[in-house]
N, C-alpha and C. Protein backbone atom coordinates (compact mmCIF):
# COMPACT_ATOMS: atom_id res chain seq x y z
N UNK A 1 -4.24 83.25 -165.10
CA UNK A 1 -3.21 84.37 -165.07
C UNK A 1 -3.01 85.09 -166.31
N UNK A 2 -2.96 84.21 -167.20
CA UNK A 2 -2.69 84.99 -168.78
C UNK A 2 -3.86 85.83 -169.01
N UNK A 3 -5.10 85.51 -168.61
CA UNK A 3 -6.21 86.31 -168.74
C UNK A 3 -6.00 87.66 -168.20
N UNK A 4 -5.65 87.61 -166.89
CA UNK A 4 -5.38 88.74 -166.14
C UNK A 4 -4.37 89.81 -166.96
N UNK A 5 -3.28 89.27 -167.30
CA UNK A 5 -2.40 90.13 -167.96
C UNK A 5 -2.86 90.84 -169.20
N UNK A 6 -3.67 89.97 -169.96
CA UNK A 6 -4.24 90.57 -171.27
C UNK A 6 -5.30 91.53 -170.84
N UNK A 7 -6.06 91.44 -169.72
CA UNK A 7 -6.89 92.60 -169.28
C UNK A 7 -6.29 93.69 -168.94
N UNK A 8 -5.15 93.42 -168.31
CA UNK A 8 -4.22 94.67 -167.82
C UNK A 8 -3.70 95.40 -169.09
N UNK A 9 -3.19 94.66 -169.83
CA UNK A 9 -2.56 95.33 -171.25
C UNK A 9 -3.72 96.02 -171.91
N UNK A 10 -4.97 95.57 -171.99
CA UNK A 10 -6.06 96.18 -172.55
C UNK A 10 -6.42 97.42 -171.92
N UNK A 11 -6.48 97.32 -170.59
CA UNK A 11 -6.73 98.66 -169.74
C UNK A 11 -5.82 99.75 -169.92
N UNK A 12 -4.46 99.27 -170.11
CA UNK A 12 -3.35 100.35 -170.05
C UNK A 12 -3.45 101.12 -171.40
N UNK A 13 -4.11 100.44 -172.46
CA UNK A 13 -4.11 101.21 -173.65
C UNK A 13 -5.32 102.38 -173.46
N UNK A 14 -6.13 102.40 -172.60
CA UNK A 14 -7.12 103.37 -172.28
C UNK A 14 -6.53 104.39 -171.34
N UNK A 15 -5.50 104.30 -170.90
CA UNK A 15 -4.89 105.37 -169.92
C UNK A 15 -4.39 106.43 -170.61
N UNK A 16 -4.68 107.79 -170.19
CA UNK A 16 -4.38 108.93 -170.62
C UNK A 16 -3.08 109.30 -170.05
N UNK A 17 -1.83 109.13 -170.70
CA UNK A 17 -0.63 109.51 -170.03
C UNK A 17 -0.27 110.88 -170.18
N UNK A 18 0.27 111.56 -169.09
CA UNK A 18 0.51 112.99 -169.25
C UNK A 18 1.92 113.28 -170.17
N UNK A 19 1.90 114.30 -170.61
CA UNK A 19 3.00 114.67 -171.66
C UNK A 19 4.27 114.83 -170.78
N UNK A 20 5.67 114.73 -171.25
CA UNK A 20 6.70 114.94 -170.53
C UNK A 20 6.79 116.37 -169.88
N UNK A 21 6.38 117.45 -170.52
CA UNK A 21 6.45 118.81 -170.00
C UNK A 21 5.48 118.75 -168.84
N UNK A 22 4.19 118.16 -168.79
CA UNK A 22 3.29 118.23 -167.77
C UNK A 22 3.81 117.43 -166.52
N UNK A 23 4.49 116.36 -167.01
CA UNK A 23 5.08 115.49 -165.63
C UNK A 23 6.17 116.28 -165.01
N UNK A 24 7.07 116.97 -165.72
CA UNK A 24 8.02 117.87 -165.20
C UNK A 24 7.48 119.02 -164.32
N UNK A 25 6.55 119.47 -164.85
CA UNK A 25 5.79 120.79 -164.19
C UNK A 25 5.20 120.14 -162.73
N UNK A 26 4.57 119.17 -162.86
CA UNK A 26 3.97 118.57 -161.61
C UNK A 26 5.02 118.07 -160.67
N UNK A 27 6.19 117.62 -161.19
CA UNK A 27 7.26 117.16 -160.33
C UNK A 27 7.84 118.41 -159.51
N UNK A 28 8.01 119.53 -160.36
CA UNK A 28 8.51 120.77 -159.78
C UNK A 28 7.67 121.31 -158.70
N UNK A 29 6.30 121.07 -159.06
CA UNK A 29 5.45 121.76 -158.20
C UNK A 29 5.40 120.81 -156.68
N UNK A 30 5.44 119.56 -156.85
CA UNK A 30 5.50 118.65 -155.59
C UNK A 30 6.73 118.99 -154.77
N UNK A 31 7.88 119.11 -155.55
CA UNK A 31 9.28 119.40 -154.84
C UNK A 31 9.20 120.65 -154.19
N UNK A 32 8.64 121.76 -154.77
CA UNK A 32 8.64 122.97 -154.29
C UNK A 32 7.61 123.05 -152.99
N UNK A 33 6.42 122.50 -153.08
CA UNK A 33 5.43 122.34 -151.82
C UNK A 33 6.17 121.45 -150.79
N UNK A 34 6.71 120.50 -150.86
CA UNK A 34 7.50 119.75 -150.03
C UNK A 34 8.49 120.58 -149.16
N UNK A 35 9.34 121.26 -150.16
CA UNK A 35 10.35 122.15 -149.49
C UNK A 35 9.80 123.38 -148.78
N UNK A 36 8.78 123.74 -149.18
CA UNK A 36 8.07 124.97 -148.44
C UNK A 36 7.47 124.38 -147.22
N UNK A 37 6.97 123.26 -147.20
CA UNK A 37 6.30 122.50 -145.94
C UNK A 37 7.45 122.35 -144.97
N UNK A 38 8.58 121.79 -145.40
CA UNK A 38 9.69 121.46 -144.51
C UNK A 38 10.30 122.64 -143.98
N UNK A 39 10.39 123.70 -144.65
CA UNK A 39 10.99 125.06 -144.10
C UNK A 39 9.95 125.46 -143.07
N UNK A 40 8.69 125.53 -143.35
CA UNK A 40 7.71 126.04 -142.45
C UNK A 40 7.63 125.20 -141.09
N UNK A 41 7.73 123.86 -141.35
CA UNK A 41 7.63 123.10 -140.14
C UNK A 41 9.13 123.17 -139.28
N UNK A 42 10.01 123.38 -140.02
CA UNK A 42 11.45 123.60 -139.45
C UNK A 42 11.42 124.75 -138.78
N UNK A 43 11.05 125.96 -139.05
CA UNK A 43 10.84 127.34 -138.38
C UNK A 43 9.92 127.22 -137.21
N UNK A 44 8.78 126.46 -137.33
CA UNK A 44 8.00 126.32 -136.24
C UNK A 44 8.70 125.59 -135.19
N UNK A 45 9.35 124.52 -135.53
CA UNK A 45 10.12 123.79 -134.36
C UNK A 45 11.20 124.54 -133.86
N UNK A 46 11.88 125.31 -134.48
CA UNK A 46 12.83 126.17 -134.11
C UNK A 46 12.31 127.29 -132.96
N UNK A 47 11.27 127.82 -133.31
CA UNK A 47 10.45 128.94 -132.50
C UNK A 47 10.07 128.29 -131.35
N UNK A 48 9.33 127.17 -131.46
CA UNK A 48 8.81 126.36 -130.10
C UNK A 48 9.80 125.98 -129.31
N UNK A 49 10.99 125.44 -129.86
CA UNK A 49 12.15 125.00 -129.05
C UNK A 49 12.80 126.31 -128.32
N UNK A 50 13.02 127.23 -128.97
CA UNK A 50 13.54 128.46 -128.48
C UNK A 50 12.76 128.97 -127.35
N UNK A 51 11.44 129.06 -127.39
CA UNK A 51 10.44 129.50 -126.44
C UNK A 51 10.44 128.69 -125.34
N UNK A 52 10.38 127.23 -125.38
CA UNK A 52 10.38 126.18 -124.20
C UNK A 52 11.68 126.27 -123.61
N UNK A 53 12.93 126.51 -124.33
CA UNK A 53 14.23 126.58 -123.54
C UNK A 53 14.16 127.73 -122.62
N UNK A 54 13.52 128.96 -123.12
CA UNK A 54 13.66 130.02 -122.28
C UNK A 54 12.58 130.16 -121.15
N UNK A 55 11.58 129.25 -121.37
CA UNK A 55 10.70 129.19 -120.27
C UNK A 55 11.18 128.31 -119.16
N UNK A 56 11.83 127.31 -119.44
CA UNK A 56 12.30 126.26 -118.52
C UNK A 56 13.77 126.81 -118.11
């Protein structure tokens, strides 16, 4: 088990971590895309519900 954690620690030194600015930008992009997708799907749901109610 100790060998495993030593290997993990050694591998973590090879990881290229993003800068704080990059992390913030990527987070904003993910939130924006998620909101856009939610709005798009919400509008589609509203339109389809409206159409179905008027057909029935």
